[in-house]
Amino acid sequence: MSEISPLSTGSSSLRIEQAARAYSRSAESAAPAESATPRRGNDQVEVSSAAAYLAKLRDLPVRQDLVDRVKAEISAGTYETPEKIDQAITEFAKDFN
């Protein structure tokens, strides 16, 4: 004898229909109500004093004569001198004192 019960066709479709209606009602009640006119908050920006200072630095003029001279010295191999290296070492050593 089989342990599987026979399906009753009449009442199962009714139960499925009832479950579907109950589900659709719960989905409708769970949906948030949309308002006609959405509210929007005010936007606000606060710039720190450091950011304002950096913005001023960005607007400083470029000393093109200095840039051109240093590029030429680097190309010629005359930019690094013993005096400049000694000065760089001295300044670097100050960071460790």
PDB file of N, CA and C in Angstrom:
ATOM      1  N   MET A   1       0.831  -1.166   0.000  1.00  0.00           N
ATOM      2  CA  MET A   1       0.000   0.000   0.000  1.00  0.00           C
ATOM      3  C   MET A   1       0.890   1.249   0.000  1.00  0.00           C
ATOM      4  N   SER A   2       0.481   2.289  -0.714  1.00  0.00           N
ATOM      5  CA  SER A   2       1.269   3.505  -0.860  1.00  0.00           C
ATOM      6  C   SER A   2       1.086   4.408   0.354  1.00  0.00           C
ATOM      7  N   GLU A   3       2.168   5.083   0.759  1.00  0.00           N
ATOM      8  CA  GLU A   3       2.094   6.005   1.890  1.00  0.00           C
ATOM      9  C   GLU A   3       1.758   7.421   1.450  1.00  0.00           C
ATOM     10  N   ILE A   4       1.594   7.618   0.158  1.00  0.00           N
ATOM     11  CA  ILE A   4       1.273   8.942  -0.362  1.00  0.00           C
ATOM     12  C   ILE A   4      -0.234   9.100  -0.404  1.00  0.00           C
ATOM     13  N   SER A   5      -0.728  10.164   0.205  1.00  0.00           N
ATOM     14  CA  SER A   5      -2.172  10.420   0.226  1.00  0.00           C
ATOM     15  C   SER A   5      -2.597  11.002  -1.114  1.00  0.00           C
ATOM     16  N   PRO A   6      -3.795  10.680  -1.538  1.00  0.00           N
ATOM     17  CA  PRO A   6      -4.288  11.255  -2.789  1.00  0.00           C
ATOM     18  C   PRO A   6      -4.586  12.738  -2.620  1.00  0.00           C
ATOM     19  N   LEU A   7      -4.415  13.501  -3.705  1.00  0.00           N
ATOM     20  CA  LEU A   7      -4.702  14.932  -3.681  1.00  0.00           C
ATOM     21  C   LEU A   7      -6.188  15.156  -3.860  1.00  0.00           C
ATOM     22  N   SER A   8      -6.717  16.076  -3.102  1.00  0.00           N
ATOM     23  CA  SER A   8      -8.114  16.441  -3.318  1.00  0.00           C
ATOM     24  C   SER A   8      -8.102  17.695  -4.181  1.00  0.00           C
ATOM     25  N   THR A   9      -8.654  17.619  -5.350  1.00  0.00           N
ATOM     26  CA  THR A   9      -8.536  18.698  -6.329  1.00  0.00           C
ATOM     27  C   THR A   9      -9.404  19.891  -6.028  1.00  0.00           C
ATOM     28  N   GLY A  10     -10.515  19.732  -5.423  1.00  0.00           N
ATOM     29  CA  GLY A  10     -11.450  20.832  -5.208  1.00  0.00           C
ATOM     30  C   GLY A  10     -10.965  21.853  -4.213  1.00  0.00           C
ATOM     31  N   SER A  11     -10.502  21.440  -3.060  1.00  0.00           N
ATOM     32  CA  SER A  11     -10.167  22.390  -2.002  1.00  0.00           C
ATOM     33  C   SER A  11      -8.757  22.955  -2.140  1.00  0.00           C
ATOM     34  N   SER A  12      -7.855  22.288  -2.825  1.00  0.00           N
ATOM     35  CA  SER A  12      -6.483  22.803  -2.925  1.00  0.00           C
ATOM     36  C   SER A  12      -6.422  24.071  -3.756  1.00  0.00           C
ATOM     37  N   SER A  13      -7.187  24.169  -4.817  1.00  0.00           N
ATOM     38  CA  SER A  13      -7.170  25.398  -5.619  1.00  0.00           C
ATOM     39  C   SER A  13      -7.751  26.557  -4.824  1.00  0.00           C
ATOM     40  N   LEU A  14      -8.728  26.275  -3.971  1.00  0.00           N
ATOM     41  CA  LEU A  14      -9.302  27.313  -3.123  1.00  0.00           C
ATOM     42  C   LEU A  14      -8.269  27.815  -2.120  1.00  0.00           C
ATOM     43  N   ARG A  15      -7.507  26.905  -1.536  1.00  0.00           N
ATOM     44  CA  ARG A  15      -6.470  27.298  -0.573  1.00  0.00           C
ATOM     45  C   ARG A  15      -5.371  28.113  -1.243  1.00  0.00           C
ATOM     46  N   ILE A  16      -4.997  27.752  -2.456  1.00  0.00           N
ATOM     47  CA  ILE A  16      -3.967  28.508  -3.179  1.00  0.00           C
ATOM     48  C   ILE A  16      -4.464  29.919  -3.460  1.00  0.00           C
ATOM     49  N   GLU A  17      -5.709  30.035  -3.860  1.00  0.00           N
ATOM     50  CA  GLU A  17      -6.299  31.336  -4.145  1.00  0.00           C
ATOM     51  C   GLU A  17      -6.343  32.203  -2.887  1.00  0.00           C
ATOM     52  N   GLN A  18      -6.729  31.613  -1.766  1.00  0.00           N
ATOM     53  CA  GLN A  18      -6.779  32.356  -0.507  1.00  0.00           C
ATOM     54  C   GLN A  18      -5.382  32.814  -0.093  1.00  0.00           C
ATOM     55  N   ALA A  19      -4.402  31.954  -0.266  1.00  0.00           N
ATOM     56  CA  ALA A  19      -3.027  32.309   0.095  1.00  0.00           C
ATOM     57  C   ALA A  19      -2.515  33.441  -0.792  1.00  0.00           C
ATOM     58  N   ALA A  20      -2.849  33.404  -2.077  1.00  0.00           N
ATOM     59  CA  ALA A  20      -2.413  34.452  -2.997  1.00  0.00           C
ATOM     60  C   ALA A  20      -3.027  35.792  -2.620  1.00  0.00           C
ATOM     61  N   ARG A  21      -4.314  35.801  -2.260  1.00  0.00           N
ATOM     62  CA  ARG A  21      -4.967  37.040  -1.844  1.00  0.00           C
ATOM     63  C   ARG A  21      -4.346  37.583  -0.560  1.00  0.00           C
ATOM     64  N   ALA A  22      -4.090  36.698   0.376  1.00  0.00           N
ATOM     65  CA  ALA A  22      -3.487  37.128   1.643  1.00  0.00           C
ATOM     66  C   ALA A  22      -2.097  37.715   1.401  1.00  0.00           C
ATOM     67  N   TYR A  23      -1.343  37.110   0.507  1.00  0.00           N
ATOM     68  CA  TYR A  23       0.003  37.607   0.190  1.00  0.00           C
ATOM     69  C   TYR A  23      -0.072  38.986  -0.456  1.00  0.00           C
ATOM     70  N   SER A  24      -0.981  39.164  -1.408  1.00  0.00           N
ATOM     71  CA  SER A  24      -1.075  40.461  -2.081  1.00  0.00           C
ATOM     72  C   SER A  24      -1.526  41.550  -1.112  1.00  0.00           C
ATOM     73  N   ARG A  25      -2.402  41.229  -0.160  1.00  0.00           N
ATOM     74  CA  ARG A  25      -2.815  42.215   0.843  1.00  0.00           C
ATOM     75  C   ARG A  25      -1.639  42.604   1.732  1.00  0.00           C
ATOM     76  N   SER A  26      -0.829  41.626   2.121  1.00  0.00           N
ATOM     77  CA  SER A  26       0.306  41.945   2.995  1.00  0.00           C
ATOM     78  C   SER A  26       1.360  42.736   2.236  1.00  0.00           C
ATOM     79  N   ALA A  27       1.540  42.461   0.946  1.00  0.00           N
ATOM     80  CA  ALA A  27       2.510  43.212   0.148  1.00  0.00           C
ATOM     81  C   ALA A  27       2.062  44.652  -0.029  1.00  0.00           C
ATOM     82  N   GLU A  28       0.760  44.865  -0.199  1.00  0.00           N
ATOM     83  CA  GLU A  28       0.240  46.222  -0.349  1.00  0.00           C
ATOM     84  C   GLU A  28       0.397  47.018   0.935  1.00  0.00           C
ATOM     85  N   SER A  29       0.152  46.386   2.069  1.00  0.00           N
ATOM     86  CA  SER A  29       0.253  47.107   3.335  1.00  0.00           C
ATOM     87  C   SER A  29       1.706  47.356   3.718  1.00  0.00           C
ATOM     88  N   ALA A  30       2.632  46.549   3.221  1.00  0.00           N
ATOM     89  CA  ALA A  30       4.044  46.728   3.558  1.00  0.00           C
ATOM     90  C   ALA A  30       4.698  47.796   2.697  1.00  0.00           C
ATOM     91  N   ALA A  31       4.117  48.127   1.539  1.00  0.00           N
ATOM     92  CA  ALA A  31       4.700  49.129   0.648  1.00  0.00           C
ATOM     93  C   ALA A  31       4.570  50.507   1.280  1.00  0.00           C
ATOM     94  N   PRO A  32       5.654  51.309   1.269  1.00  0.00           N
ATOM     95  CA  PRO A  32       5.579  52.647   1.858  1.00  0.00           C
ATOM     96  C   PRO A  32       4.685  53.552   1.010  1.00  0.00           C
ATOM     97  N   ALA A  33       3.970  54.419   1.671  1.00  0.00           N
ATOM     98  CA  ALA A  33       3.102  55.355   0.965  1.00  0.00           C
ATOM     99  C   ALA A  33       3.961  56.446   0.345  1.00  0.00           C
ATOM    100  N   GLU A  34       3.730  56.732  -0.924  1.00  0.00           N
ATOM    101  CA  GLU A  34       4.489  57.765  -1.618  1.00  0.00           C
ATOM    102  C   GLU A  34       3.813  59.107  -1.393  1.00  0.00           C
ATOM    103  N   SER A  35       4.604  60.115  -1.072  1.00  0.00           N
ATOM    104  CA  SER A  35       4.021  61.433  -0.891  1.00  0.00           C
ATOM    105  C   SER A  35       3.990  62.143  -2.239  1.00  0.00           C
ATOM    106  N   ALA A  36       3.072  63.062  -2.375  1.00  0.00           N
ATOM    107  CA  ALA A  36       2.894  63.755  -3.646  1.00  0.00           C
ATOM    108  C   ALA A  36       4.075  64.669  -3.946  1.00  0.00           C
ATOM    109  N   THR A  37       4.612  65.340  -2.933  1.00  0.00           N
ATOM    110  CA  THR A  37       5.747  66.235  -3.148  1.00  0.00           C
ATOM    111  C   THR A  37       6.879  65.820  -2.225  1.00  0.00           C
ATOM    112  N   PRO A  38       7.938  65.255  -2.768  1.00  0.00           N
ATOM    113  CA  PRO A  38       9.054  64.840  -1.916  1.00  0.00           C
ATOM    114  C   PRO A  38       9.763  66.058  -1.334  1.00  0.00           C
ATOM    115  N   ARG A  39      10.174  65.952  -0.089  1.00  0.00           N
ATOM    116  CA  ARG A  39      10.896  67.033   0.581  1.00  0.00           C
ATOM    117  C   ARG A  39      12.377  66.837   0.387  1.00  0.00           C
ATOM    118  N   ARG A  40      13.046  67.911   0.224  1.00  0.00           N
ATOM    119  CA  ARG A  40      14.481  67.858   0.028  1.00  0.00           C
ATOM    120  C   ARG A  40      15.143  68.771   1.042  1.00  0.00           C
ATOM    121  N   GLY A  41      16.181  68.267   1.679  1.00  0.00           N
ATOM    122  CA  GLY A  41      16.890  69.057   2.666  1.00  0.00           C
ATOM    123  C   GLY A  41      17.795  70.088   2.010  1.00  0.00           C
ATOM    124  N   ASN A  42      18.349  70.965   2.809  1.00  0.00           N
ATOM    125  CA  ASN A  42      19.272  71.977   2.303  1.00  0.00           C
ATOM    126  C   ASN A  42      20.679  71.415   2.262  1.00  0.00           C
ATOM    127  N   ASP A  43      21.368  71.651   1.153  1.00  0.00           N
ATOM    128  CA  ASP A  43      22.762  71.245   1.045  1.00  0.00           C
ATOM    129  C   ASP A  43      23.638  72.344   1.630  1.00  0.00           C
ATOM    130  N   GLN A  44      24.746  71.924   2.222  1.00  0.00           N
ATOM    131  CA  GLN A  44      25.628  72.887   2.857  1.00  0.00           C
ATOM    132  C   GLN A  44      27.062  72.403   2.714  1.00  0.00           C
ATOM    133  N   VAL A  45      27.975  73.330   2.444  1.00  0.00           N
ATOM    134  CA  VAL A  45      29.389  73.000   2.298  1.00  0.00           C
ATOM    135  C   VAL A  45      30.177  73.853   3.276  1.00  0.00           C
ATOM    136  N   GLU A  46      31.096  73.215   3.982  1.00  0.00           N
ATOM    137  CA  GLU A  46      31.991  73.943   4.872  1.00  0.00           C
ATOM    138  C   GLU A  46      33.417  73.659   4.432  1.00  0.00           C
ATOM    139  N   VAL A  47      34.158  74.719   4.127  1.00  0.00           N
ATOM    140  CA  VAL A  47      35.537  74.585   3.671  1.00  0.00           C
ATOM    141  C   VAL A  47      36.449  74.916   4.843  1.00  0.00           C
ATOM    142  N   SER A  48      37.362  74.006   5.143  1.00  0.00           N
ATOM    143  CA  SER A  48      38.275  74.235   6.262  1.00  0.00           C
ATOM    144  C   SER A  48      39.293  75.303   5.888  1.00  0.00           C
ATOM    145  N   SER A  49      39.941  75.846   6.892  1.00  0.00           N
ATOM    146  CA  SER A  49      40.961  76.864   6.635  1.00  0.00           C
ATOM    147  C   SER A  49      42.139  76.263   5.872  1.00  0.00           C
ATOM    148  N   ALA A  50      42.434  74.985   6.114  1.00  0.00           N
ATOM    149  CA  ALA A  50      43.521  74.329   5.374  1.00  0.00           C
ATOM    150  C   ALA A  50      43.162  74.199   3.897  1.00  0.00           C
ATOM    151  N   ALA A  51      41.913  73.872   3.598  1.00  0.00           N
ATOM    152  CA  ALA A  51      41.484  73.755   2.203  1.00  0.00           C
ATOM    153  C   ALA A  51      41.522  75.113   1.517  1.00  0.00           C
ATOM    154  N   ALA A  52      41.124  76.153   2.216  1.00  0.00           N
ATOM    155  CA  ALA A  52      41.170  77.500   1.644  1.00  0.00           C
ATOM    156  C   ALA A  52      42.613  77.910   1.361  1.00  0.00           C
ATOM    157  N   TYR A  53      43.525  77.575   2.272  1.00  0.00           N
ATOM    158  CA  TYR A  53      44.948  77.883   2.080  1.00  0.00           C
ATOM    159  C   TYR A  53      45.510  77.138   0.871  1.00  0.00           C
ATOM    160  N   LEU A  54      45.170  75.863   0.745  1.00  0.00           N
ATOM    161  CA  LEU A  54      45.643  75.085  -0.400  1.00  0.00           C
ATOM    162  C   LEU A  54      45.088  75.628  -1.714  1.00  0.00           C
ATOM    163  N   ALA A  55      43.868  76.115  -1.699  1.00  0.00           N
ATOM    164  CA  ALA A  55      43.294  76.711  -2.909  1.00  0.00           C
ATOM    165  C   ALA A  55      44.063  77.962  -3.310  1.00  0.00           C
ATOM    166  N   LYS A  56      44.484  78.764  -2.322  1.00  0.00           N
ATOM    167  CA  LYS A  56      45.290  79.957  -2.624  1.00  0.00           C
ATOM    168  C   LYS A  56      46.651  79.565  -3.183  1.00  0.00           C
ATOM    169  N   LEU A  57      47.254  78.519  -2.620  1.00  0.00           N
ATOM    170  CA  LEU A  57      48.561  78.077  -3.115  1.00  0.00           C
ATOM    171  C   LEU A  57      48.482  77.612  -4.564  1.00  0.00           C
ATOM    172  N   ARG A  58      47.374  76.989  -4.912  1.00  0.00           N
ATOM    173  CA  ARG A  58      47.202  76.481  -6.272  1.00  0.00           C
ATOM    174  C   ARG A  58      47.137  77.625  -7.286  1.00  0.00           C
ATOM    175  N   ASP A  59      46.691  78.795  -6.842  1.00  0.00           N
ATOM    176  CA  ASP A  59      46.530  79.932  -7.744  1.00  0.00           C
ATOM    177  C   ASP A  59      47.778  80.805  -7.853  1.00  0.00           C
ATOM    178  N   LEU A  60      48.845  80.467  -7.145  1.00  0.00           N
ATOM    179  CA  LEU A  60      50.071  81.258  -7.229  1.00  0.00           C
ATOM    180  C   LEU A  60      50.687  81.128  -8.619  1.00  0.00           C
ATOM    181  N   PRO A  61      51.335  82.194  -9.085  1.00  0.00           N
ATOM    182  CA  PRO A  61      51.955  82.124 -10.412  1.00  0.00           C
ATOM    183  C   PRO A  61      53.177  81.203 -10.404  1.00  0.00           C
ATOM    184  N   VAL A  62      53.408  80.554 -11.525  1.00  0.00           N
ATOM    185  CA  VAL A  62      54.563  79.667 -11.671  1.00  0.00           C
ATOM    186  C   VAL A  62      55.768  80.524 -12.048  1.00  0.00           C
ATOM    187  N   ARG A  63      56.866  80.302 -11.370  1.00  0.00           N
ATOM    188  CA  ARG A  63      58.102  81.027 -11.695  1.00  0.00           C
ATOM    189  C   ARG A  63      58.780  80.296 -12.849  1.00  0.00           C
ATOM    190  N   GLN A  64      58.311  80.571 -14.050  1.00  0.00           N
ATOM    191  CA  GLN A  64      58.760  79.843 -15.222  1.00  0.00           C
ATOM    192  C   GLN A  64      60.252  80.017 -15.469  1.00  0.00           C
ATOM    193  N   ASP A  65      60.814  81.181 -15.148  1.00  0.00           N
ATOM    194  CA  ASP A  65      62.255  81.380 -15.335  1.00  0.00           C
ATOM    195  C   ASP A  65      63.054  80.412 -14.468  1.00  0.00           C
ATOM    196  N   LEU A  66      62.617  80.197 -13.224  1.00  0.00           N
ATOM    197  CA  LEU A  66      63.296  79.256 -12.333  1.00  0.00           C
ATOM    198  C   LEU A  66      63.137  77.824 -12.832  1.00  0.00           C
ATOM    199  N   VAL A  67      61.937  77.466 -13.272  1.00  0.00           N
ATOM    200  CA  VAL A  67      61.690  76.118 -13.789  1.00  0.00           C
ATOM    201  C   VAL A  67      62.580  75.850 -14.995  1.00  0.00           C
ATOM    202  N   ASP A  68      62.653  76.811 -15.908  1.00  0.00           N
ATOM    203  CA  ASP A  68      63.479  76.637 -17.110  1.00  0.00           C
ATOM    204  C   ASP A  68      64.962  76.510 -16.759  1.00  0.00           C
ATOM    205  N   ARG A  69      65.435  77.330 -15.792  1.00  0.00           N
ATOM    206  CA  ARG A  69      66.851  77.275 -15.400  1.00  0.00           C
ATOM    207  C   ARG A  69      67.199  75.927 -14.778  1.00  0.00           C
ATOM    208  N   VAL A  70      66.348  75.431 -13.877  1.00  0.00           N
ATOM    209  CA  VAL A  70      66.619  74.147 -13.212  1.00  0.00           C
ATOM    210  C   VAL A  70      66.578  73.010 -14.223  1.00  0.00           C
ATOM    211  N   LYS A  71      65.626  73.043 -15.158  1.00  0.00           N
ATOM    212  CA  LYS A  71      65.572  72.005 -16.197  1.00  0.00           C
ATOM    213  C   LYS A  71      66.846  72.004 -17.031  1.00  0.00           C
ATOM    214  N   ALA A  72      67.327  73.188 -17.365  1.00  0.00           N
ATOM    215  CA  ALA A  72      68.552  73.285 -18.166  1.00  0.00           C
ATOM    216  C   ALA A  72      69.751  72.759 -17.384  1.00  0.00           C
ATOM    217  N   GLU A  73      69.829  73.081 -16.085  1.00  0.00           N
ATOM    218  CA  GLU A  73      70.940  72.595 -15.259  1.00  0.00           C
ATOM    219  C   GLU A  73      70.892  71.073 -15.126  1.00  0.00           C
ATOM    220  N   ILE A  74      69.706  70.516 -14.961  1.00  0.00           N
ATOM    221  CA  ILE A  74      69.583  69.057 -14.853  1.00  0.00           C
ATOM    222  C   ILE A  74      70.011  68.406 -16.155  1.00  0.00           C
ATOM    223  N   SER A  75      69.576  68.966 -17.288  1.00  0.00           N
ATOM    224  CA  SER A  75      69.955  68.409 -18.595  1.00  0.00           C
ATOM    225  C   SER A  75      71.458  68.486 -18.822  1.00  0.00           C
ATOM    226  N   ALA A  76      72.080  69.570 -18.346  1.00  0.00           N
ATOM    227  CA  ALA A  76      73.523  69.746 -18.535  1.00  0.00           C
ATOM    228  C   ALA A  76      74.334  68.969 -17.505  1.00  0.00           C
ATOM    229  N   GLY A  77      73.676  68.454 -16.471  1.00  0.00           N
ATOM    230  CA  GLY A  77      74.388  67.709 -15.435  1.00  0.00           C
ATOM    231  C   GLY A  77      75.076  68.602 -14.426  1.00  0.00           C
ATOM    232  N   THR A  78      74.666  69.870 -14.355  1.00  0.00           N
ATOM    233  CA  THR A  78      75.309  70.813 -13.435  1.00  0.00           C
ATOM    234  C   THR A  78      74.412  71.201 -12.257  1.00  0.00           C
ATOM    235  N   TYR A  79      73.274  70.590 -12.129  1.00  0.00           N
ATOM    236  CA  TYR A  79      72.349  70.962 -11.059  1.00  0.00           C
ATOM    237  C   TYR A  79      72.854  70.501  -9.699  1.00  0.00           C
ATOM    238  N   GLU A  80      73.352  69.283  -9.622  1.00  0.00           N
ATOM    239  CA  GLU A  80      73.853  68.764  -8.345  1.00  0.00           C
ATOM    240  C   GLU A  80      75.312  69.171  -8.174  1.00  0.00           C
ATOM    241  N   THR A  81      75.547  70.020  -7.186  1.00  0.00           N
ATOM    242  CA  THR A  81      76.911  70.451  -6.864  1.00  0.00           C
ATOM    243  C   THR A  81      77.247  69.943  -5.469  1.00  0.00           C
ATOM    244  N   PRO A  82      78.536  69.854  -5.144  1.00  0.00           N
ATOM    245  CA  PRO A  82      78.912  69.418  -3.789  1.00  0.00           C
ATOM    246  C   PRO A  82      78.309  70.310  -2.699  1.00  0.00           C
ATOM    247  N   GLU A  83      78.211  71.603  -2.966  1.00  0.00           N
ATOM    248  CA  GLU A  83      77.636  72.518  -1.975  1.00  0.00           C
ATOM    249  C   GLU A  83      76.154  72.208  -1.734  1.00  0.00           C
ATOM    250  N   LYS A  84      75.416  71.957  -2.806  1.00  0.00           N
ATOM    251  CA  LYS A  84      73.985  71.648  -2.666  1.00  0.00           C
ATOM    252  C   LYS A  84      73.777  70.321  -1.943  1.00  0.00           C
ATOM    253  N   ILE A  85      74.632  69.353  -2.222  1.00  0.00           N
ATOM    254  CA  ILE A  85      74.523  68.049  -1.557  1.00  0.00           C
ATOM    255  C   ILE A  85      74.819  68.194  -0.070  1.00  0.00           C
ATOM    256  N   ASP A  86      75.872  68.959   0.283  1.00  0.00           N
ATOM    257  CA  ASP A  86      76.190  69.194   1.697  1.00  0.00           C
ATOM    258  C   ASP A  86      75.030  69.894   2.410  1.00  0.00           C
ATOM    259  N   GLN A  87      74.433  70.870   1.754  1.00  0.00           N
ATOM    260  CA  GLN A  87      73.311  71.585   2.358  1.00  0.00           C
ATOM    261  C   GLN A  87      72.119  70.645   2.547  1.00  0.00           C
ATOM    262  N   ALA A  88      71.858  69.787   1.585  1.00  0.00           N
ATOM    263  CA  ALA A  88      70.743  68.844   1.693  1.00  0.00           C
ATOM    264  C   ALA A  88      70.978  67.868   2.840  1.00  0.00           C
ATOM    265  N   ILE A  89      72.218  67.398   2.988  1.00  0.00           N
ATOM    266  CA  ILE A  89      72.544  66.472   4.084  1.00  0.00           C
ATOM    267  C   ILE A  89      72.371  67.164   5.431  1.00  0.00           C
ATOM    268  N   THR A  90      72.809  68.411   5.526  1.00  0.00           N
ATOM    269  CA  THR A  90      72.676  69.163   6.774  1.00  0.00           C
ATOM    270  C   THR A  90      71.201  69.343   7.145  1.00  0.00           C
ATOM    271  N   GLU A  91      70.377  69.728   6.184  1.00  0.00           N
ATOM    272  CA  GLU A  91      68.947  69.910   6.442  1.00  0.00           C
ATOM    273  C   GLU A  91      68.275  68.585   6.798  1.00  0.00           C
ATOM    274  N   PHE A  92      68.699  67.512   6.132  1.00  0.00           N
ATOM    275  CA  PHE A  92      68.146  66.186   6.408  1.00  0.00           C
ATOM    276  C   PHE A  92      68.497  65.741   7.828  1.00  0.00           C
ATOM    277  N   ALA A  93      69.732  66.024   8.255  1.00  0.00           N
ATOM    278  CA  ALA A  93      70.183  65.625   9.591  1.00  0.00           C
ATOM    279  C   ALA A  93      69.419  66.382  10.682  1.00  0.00           C
ATOM    280  N   LYS A  94      68.972  67.611  10.387  1.00  0.00           N
ATOM    281  CA  LYS A  94      68.212  68.386  11.375  1.00  0.00           C
ATOM    282  C   LYS A  94      66.897  67.688  11.737  1.00  0.00           C
ATOM    283  N   ASP A  95      66.355  66.929  10.789  1.00  0.00           N
ATOM    284  CA  ASP A  95      65.099  66.223  11.056  1.00  0.00           C
ATOM    285  C   ASP A  95      65.258  65.130  12.104  1.00  0.00           C
ATOM    286  N   PHE A  96      66.478  64.641  12.300  1.00  0.00           N
ATOM    287  CA  PHE A  96      66.719  63.555  13.248  1.00  0.00           C
ATOM    288  C   PHE A  96      67.199  64.049  14.605  1.00  0.00           C
ATOM    289  N   ASN A  97      67.443  65.326  14.739  1.00  0.00           N
ATOM    290  CA  ASN A  97      67.893  65.883  16.028  1.00  0.00           C
ATOM    291  C   ASN A  97      66.740  66.314  16.873  1.00  0.00           C
TER     292      ASN A  97
END
